[in-house]
Amino acid sequence: MATAQPTPNAADVEVAPPEELNQWKRGFTPQAEIWNGRMAMLGLSVGLSVLLVARLTGKA
């Protein structure tokens, strides 16, 4: 059986100011994860847009 993970209380959670979340930091940091998600969504959007334009123009 899996054991339940204790939920962190307010004393255990480190809150980062909003301007720090947009900083470009290297390594396994919350900022890197945020930028990774943003770049993944940008790539997905560009890829789908290219496919849509190719289908609409009949060049695919």
PDB file of N, CA and C in Angstrom:
ATOM      1  N   MET A   1       0.823  -1.185   0.000  1.00  0.00           N
ATOM      2  CA  MET A   1       0.000   0.000   0.000  1.00  0.00           C
ATOM      3  C   MET A   1       0.865   1.245   0.000  1.00  0.00           C
ATOM      4  N   ALA A   2       0.432   2.231  -0.696  1.00  0.00           N
ATOM      5  CA  ALA A   2       1.174   3.488  -0.749  1.00  0.00           C
ATOM      6  C   ALA A   2       0.887   4.306   0.499  1.00  0.00           C
ATOM      7  N   THR A   3       1.919   4.940   0.998  1.00  0.00           N
ATOM      8  CA  THR A   3       1.725   5.797   2.168  1.00  0.00           C
ATOM      9  C   THR A   3       1.425   7.210   1.702  1.00  0.00           C
ATOM     10  N   ALA A   4       0.595   7.884   2.408  1.00  0.00           N
ATOM     11  CA  ALA A   4       0.220   9.253   2.053  1.00  0.00           C
ATOM     12  C   ALA A   4       1.360  10.201   2.397  1.00  0.00           C
ATOM     13  N   GLN A   5       1.659  11.082   1.481  1.00  0.00           N
ATOM     14  CA  GLN A   5       2.685  12.093   1.719  1.00  0.00           C
ATOM     15  C   GLN A   5       2.099  13.205   2.564  1.00  0.00           C
ATOM     16  N   PRO A   6       2.824  13.649   3.574  1.00  0.00           N
ATOM     17  CA  PRO A   6       2.288  14.746   4.384  1.00  0.00           C
ATOM     18  C   PRO A   6       2.240  16.035   3.568  1.00  0.00           C
ATOM     19  N   THR A   7       1.179  16.775   3.743  1.00  0.00           N
ATOM     20  CA  THR A   7       1.062  18.046   3.037  1.00  0.00           C
ATOM     21  C   THR A   7       1.953  19.081   3.718  1.00  0.00           C
ATOM     22  N   PRO A   8       2.673  19.876   2.934  1.00  0.00           N
ATOM     23  CA  PRO A   8       3.550  20.880   3.543  1.00  0.00           C
ATOM     24  C   PRO A   8       2.734  21.976   4.212  1.00  0.00           C
ATOM     25  N   ASN A   9       3.195  22.390   5.357  1.00  0.00           N
ATOM     26  CA  ASN A   9       2.509  23.500   6.016  1.00  0.00           C
ATOM     27  C   ASN A   9       3.148  24.812   5.591  1.00  0.00           C
ATOM     28  N   ALA A  10       2.591  25.909   6.010  1.00  0.00           N
ATOM     29  CA  ALA A  10       3.036  27.236   5.567  1.00  0.00           C
ATOM     30  C   ALA A  10       4.488  27.503   5.922  1.00  0.00           C
ATOM     31  N   ALA A  11       5.001  26.900   6.975  1.00  0.00           N
ATOM     32  CA  ALA A  11       6.388  27.140   7.379  1.00  0.00           C
ATOM     33  C   ALA A  11       7.369  26.439   6.436  1.00  0.00           C
ATOM     34  N   ASP A  12       6.934  25.370   5.755  1.00  0.00           N
ATOM     35  CA  ASP A  12       7.817  24.606   4.876  1.00  0.00           C
ATOM     36  C   ASP A  12       7.876  25.146   3.452  1.00  0.00           C
ATOM     37  N   VAL A  13       6.910  25.943   3.058  1.00  0.00           N
ATOM     38  CA  VAL A  13       6.815  26.416   1.677  1.00  0.00           C
ATOM     39  C   VAL A  13       7.539  27.745   1.542  1.00  0.00           C
ATOM     40  N   GLU A  14       8.462  27.796   0.558  1.00  0.00           N
ATOM     41  CA  GLU A  14       9.183  29.044   0.284  1.00  0.00           C
ATOM     42  C   GLU A  14       8.470  29.780  -0.842  1.00  0.00           C
ATOM     43  N   VAL A  15       8.034  30.973  -0.569  1.00  0.00           N
ATOM     44  CA  VAL A  15       7.298  31.762  -1.548  1.00  0.00           C
ATOM     45  C   VAL A  15       8.273  32.701  -2.247  1.00  0.00           C
ATOM     46  N   ALA A  16       8.283  32.636  -3.572  1.00  0.00           N
ATOM     47  CA  ALA A  16       9.160  33.500  -4.357  1.00  0.00           C
ATOM     48  C   ALA A  16       8.364  34.703  -4.844  1.00  0.00           C
ATOM     49  N   PRO A  17       8.982  35.882  -4.846  1.00  0.00           N
ATOM     50  CA  PRO A  17       8.275  37.046  -5.379  1.00  0.00           C
ATOM     51  C   PRO A  17       8.031  36.876  -6.884  1.00  0.00           C
ATOM     52  N   PRO A  18       6.966  37.464  -7.423  1.00  0.00           N
ATOM     53  CA  PRO A  18       6.624  37.278  -8.846  1.00  0.00           C
ATOM     54  C   PRO A  18       7.745  37.693  -9.796  1.00  0.00           C
ATOM     55  N   GLU A  19       8.481  38.747  -9.485  1.00  0.00           N
ATOM     56  CA  GLU A  19       9.538  39.167 -10.409  1.00  0.00           C
ATOM     57  C   GLU A  19      10.683  38.167 -10.455  1.00  0.00           C
ATOM     58  N   GLU A  20      10.853  37.356  -9.416  1.00  0.00           N
ATOM     59  CA  GLU A  20      11.924  36.359  -9.415  1.00  0.00           C
ATOM     60  C   GLU A  20      11.572  35.171 -10.305  1.00  0.00           C
ATOM     61  N   LEU A  21      10.285  34.885 -10.481  1.00  0.00           N
ATOM     62  CA  LEU A  21       9.881  33.748 -11.294  1.00  0.00           C
ATOM     63  C   LEU A  21      10.199  33.959 -12.767  1.00  0.00           C
ATOM     64  N   ASN A  22      10.380  35.189 -13.211  1.00  0.00           N
ATOM     65  CA  ASN A  22      10.690  35.462 -14.607  1.00  0.00           C
ATOM     66  C   ASN A  22      12.182  35.552 -14.876  1.00  0.00           C
ATOM     67  N   GLN A  23      13.009  35.386 -13.864  1.00  0.00           N
ATOM     68  CA  GLN A  23      14.449  35.444 -14.078  1.00  0.00           C
ATOM     69  C   GLN A  23      14.901  34.212 -14.854  1.00  0.00           C
ATOM     70  N   TRP A  24      15.962  34.389 -15.627  1.00  0.00           N
ATOM     71  CA  TRP A  24      16.502  33.304 -16.426  1.00  0.00           C
ATOM     72  C   TRP A  24      17.595  32.634 -15.600  1.00  0.00           C
ATOM     73  N   LYS A  25      17.270  31.502 -14.952  1.00  0.00           N
ATOM     74  CA  LYS A  25      18.226  30.775 -14.123  1.00  0.00           C
ATOM     75  C   LYS A  25      18.461  29.403 -14.717  1.00  0.00           C
ATOM     76  N   ARG A  26      19.694  28.946 -14.630  1.00  0.00           N
ATOM     77  CA  ARG A  26      20.048  27.639 -15.161  1.00  0.00           C
ATOM     78  C   ARG A  26      19.940  26.586 -14.077  1.00  0.00           C
ATOM     79  N   GLY A  27      19.813  25.330 -14.492  1.00  0.00           N
ATOM     80  CA  GLY A  27      19.731  24.230 -13.547  1.00  0.00           C
ATOM     81  C   GLY A  27      18.288  23.843 -13.279  1.00  0.00           C
ATOM     82  N   PHE A  28      18.095  22.963 -12.318  1.00  0.00           N
ATOM     83  CA  PHE A  28      16.757  22.484 -11.970  1.00  0.00           C
ATOM     84  C   PHE A  28      16.148  23.424 -10.941  1.00  0.00           C
ATOM     85  N   THR A  29      15.638  24.535 -11.422  1.00  0.00           N
ATOM     86  CA  THR A  29      15.029  25.536 -10.554  1.00  0.00           C
ATOM     87  C   THR A  29      13.594  25.769 -11.006  1.00  0.00           C
ATOM     88  N   PRO A  30      12.754  26.321 -10.144  1.00  0.00           N
ATOM     89  CA  PRO A  30      11.385  26.628 -10.582  1.00  0.00           C
ATOM     90  C   PRO A  30      11.356  27.585 -11.772  1.00  0.00           C
ATOM     91  N   GLN A  31      12.307  28.509 -11.829  1.00  0.00           N
ATOM     92  CA  GLN A  31      12.350  29.446 -12.949  1.00  0.00           C
ATOM     93  C   GLN A  31      12.630  28.702 -14.258  1.00  0.00           C
ATOM     94  N   ALA A  32      13.539  27.737 -14.215  1.00  0.00           N
ATOM     95  CA  ALA A  32      13.849  26.970 -15.423  1.00  0.00           C
ATOM     96  C   ALA A  32      12.635  26.167 -15.877  1.00  0.00           C
ATOM     97  N   GLU A  33      11.880  25.628 -14.933  1.00  0.00           N
ATOM     98  CA  GLU A  33      10.681  24.874 -15.288  1.00  0.00           C
ATOM     99  C   GLU A  33       9.627  25.779 -15.921  1.00  0.00           C
ATOM    100  N   ILE A  34       9.495  26.984 -15.415  1.00  0.00           N
ATOM    101  CA  ILE A  34       8.536  27.937 -15.991  1.00  0.00           C
ATOM    102  C   ILE A  34       8.936  28.279 -17.415  1.00  0.00           C
ATOM    103  N   TRP A  35      10.215  28.580 -17.646  1.00  0.00           N
ATOM    104  CA  TRP A  35      10.667  28.921 -18.989  1.00  0.00           C
ATOM    105  C   TRP A  35      10.576  27.720 -19.923  1.00  0.00           C
ATOM    106  N   ASN A  36      10.834  26.526 -19.406  1.00  0.00           N
ATOM    107  CA  ASN A  36      10.710  25.325 -20.217  1.00  0.00           C
ATOM    108  C   ASN A  36       9.269  25.158 -20.697  1.00  0.00           C
ATOM    109  N   GLY A  37       8.326  25.380 -19.818  1.00  0.00           N
ATOM    110  CA  GLY A  37       6.919  25.295 -20.207  1.00  0.00           C
ATOM    111  C   GLY A  37       6.533  26.347 -21.221  1.00  0.00           C
ATOM    112  N   ARG A  38       7.038  27.548 -21.043  1.00  0.00           N
ATOM    113  CA  ARG A  38       6.734  28.634 -21.991  1.00  0.00           C
ATOM    114  C   ARG A  38       7.288  28.317 -23.367  1.00  0.00           C
ATOM    115  N   MET A  39       8.526  27.830 -23.423  1.00  0.00           N
ATOM    116  CA  MET A  39       9.134  27.514 -24.719  1.00  0.00           C
ATOM    117  C   MET A  39       8.447  26.318 -25.375  1.00  0.00           C
ATOM    118  N   ALA A  40       8.015  25.352 -24.581  1.00  0.00           N
ATOM    119  CA  ALA A  40       7.298  24.202 -25.138  1.00  0.00           C
ATOM    120  C   ALA A  40       5.972  24.644 -25.751  1.00  0.00           C
ATOM    121  N   MET A  41       5.256  25.512 -25.070  1.00  0.00           N
ATOM    122  CA  MET A  41       3.985  25.996 -25.605  1.00  0.00           C
ATOM    123  C   MET A  41       4.206  26.856 -26.852  1.00  0.00           C
ATOM    124  N   LEU A  42       5.268  27.635 -26.869  1.00  0.00           N
ATOM    125  CA  LEU A  42       5.583  28.432 -28.054  1.00  0.00           C
ATOM    126  C   LEU A  42       5.887  27.516 -29.243  1.00  0.00           C
ATOM    127  N   GLY A  43       6.701  26.490 -29.015  1.00  0.00           N
ATOM    128  CA  GLY A  43       7.030  25.551 -30.086  1.00  0.00           C
ATOM    129  C   GLY A  43       5.809  24.805 -30.595  1.00  0.00           C
ATOM    130  N   LEU A  44       4.949  24.398 -29.677  1.00  0.00           N
ATOM    131  CA  LEU A  44       3.724  23.712 -30.074  1.00  0.00           C
ATOM    132  C   LEU A  44       2.821  24.636 -30.887  1.00  0.00           C
ATOM    133  N   SER A  45       2.696  25.871 -30.455  1.00  0.00           N
ATOM    134  CA  SER A  45       1.855  26.838 -31.171  1.00  0.00           C
ATOM    135  C   SER A  45       2.394  27.128 -32.565  1.00  0.00           C
ATOM    136  N   VAL A  46       3.696  27.307 -32.682  1.00  0.00           N
ATOM    137  CA  VAL A  46       4.305  27.580 -33.995  1.00  0.00           C
ATOM    138  C   VAL A  46       4.139  26.367 -34.903  1.00  0.00           C
ATOM    139  N   GLY A  47       4.378  25.184 -34.369  1.00  0.00           N
ATOM    140  CA  GLY A  47       4.227  23.973 -35.178  1.00  0.00           C
ATOM    141  C   GLY A  47       2.812  23.781 -35.688  1.00  0.00           C
ATOM    142  N   LEU A  48       1.840  23.970 -34.808  1.00  0.00           N
ATOM    143  CA  LEU A  48       0.446  23.831 -35.231  1.00  0.00           C
ATOM    144  C   LEU A  48       0.045  24.924 -36.207  1.00  0.00           C
ATOM    145  N   SER A  49       0.570  26.127 -36.032  1.00  0.00           N
ATOM    146  CA  SER A  49       0.270  27.220 -36.962  1.00  0.00           C
ATOM    147  C   SER A  49       0.828  26.923 -38.351  1.00  0.00           C
ATOM    148  N   VAL A  50       2.031  26.391 -38.411  1.00  0.00           N
ATOM    149  CA  VAL A  50       2.631  26.044 -39.703  1.00  0.00           C
ATOM    150  C   VAL A  50       1.800  24.957 -40.383  1.00  0.00           C
ATOM    151  N   LEU A  51       1.380  23.953 -39.626  1.00  0.00           N
ATOM    152  CA  LEU A  51       0.538  22.913 -40.222  1.00  0.00           C
ATOM    153  C   LEU A  51      -0.785  23.468 -40.720  1.00  0.00           C
ATOM    154  N   LEU A  52      -1.386  24.354 -39.959  1.00  0.00           N
ATOM    155  CA  LEU A  52      -2.658  24.951 -40.356  1.00  0.00           C
ATOM    156  C   LEU A  52      -2.498  25.771 -41.645  1.00  0.00           C
ATOM    157  N   VAL A  53      -1.477  26.589 -41.714  1.00  0.00           N
ATOM    158  CA  VAL A  53      -1.244  27.410 -42.908  1.00  0.00           C
ATOM    159  C   VAL A  53      -0.947  26.510 -44.106  1.00  0.00           C
ATOM    160  N   ALA A  54      -0.166  25.454 -43.900  1.00  0.00           N
ATOM    161  CA  ALA A  54       0.154  24.538 -45.010  1.00  0.00           C
ATOM    162  C   ALA A  54      -1.107  23.847 -45.519  1.00  0.00           C
ATOM    163  N   ARG A  55      -1.988  23.461 -44.613  1.00  0.00           N
ATOM    164  CA  ARG A  55      -3.228  22.794 -45.042  1.00  0.00           C
ATOM    165  C   ARG A  55      -4.159  23.769 -45.758  1.00  0.00           C
ATOM    166  N   LEU A  56      -4.232  25.010 -45.270  1.00  0.00           N
ATOM    167  CA  LEU A  56      -5.136  25.970 -45.876  1.00  0.00           C
ATOM    168  C   LEU A  56      -4.666  26.435 -47.254  1.00  0.00           C
ATOM    169  N   THR A  57      -3.355  26.475 -47.465  1.00  0.00           N
ATOM    170  CA  THR A  57      -2.837  26.910 -48.763  1.00  0.00           C
ATOM    171  C   THR A  57      -2.723  25.759 -49.745  1.00  0.00           C
ATOM    172  N   GLY A  58      -2.886  24.520 -49.282  1.00  0.00           N
ATOM    173  CA  GLY A  58      -2.854  23.357 -50.172  1.00  0.00           C
ATOM    174  C   GLY A  58      -1.459  22.934 -50.591  1.00  0.00           C
ATOM    175  N   LYS A  59      -0.427  23.371 -49.880  1.00  0.00           N
ATOM    176  CA  LYS A  59       0.945  23.044 -50.256  1.00  0.00           C
ATOM    177  C   LYS A  59       1.449  21.802 -49.508  1.00  0.00           C
ATOM    178  N   ALA A  60       0.623  21.200 -48.678  1.00  0.00           N
ATOM    179  CA  ALA A  60       1.089  20.041 -47.908  1.00  0.00           C
ATOM    180  C   ALA A  60       0.755  18.751 -48.612  1.00  0.00           C
TER     181      ALA A  60
END
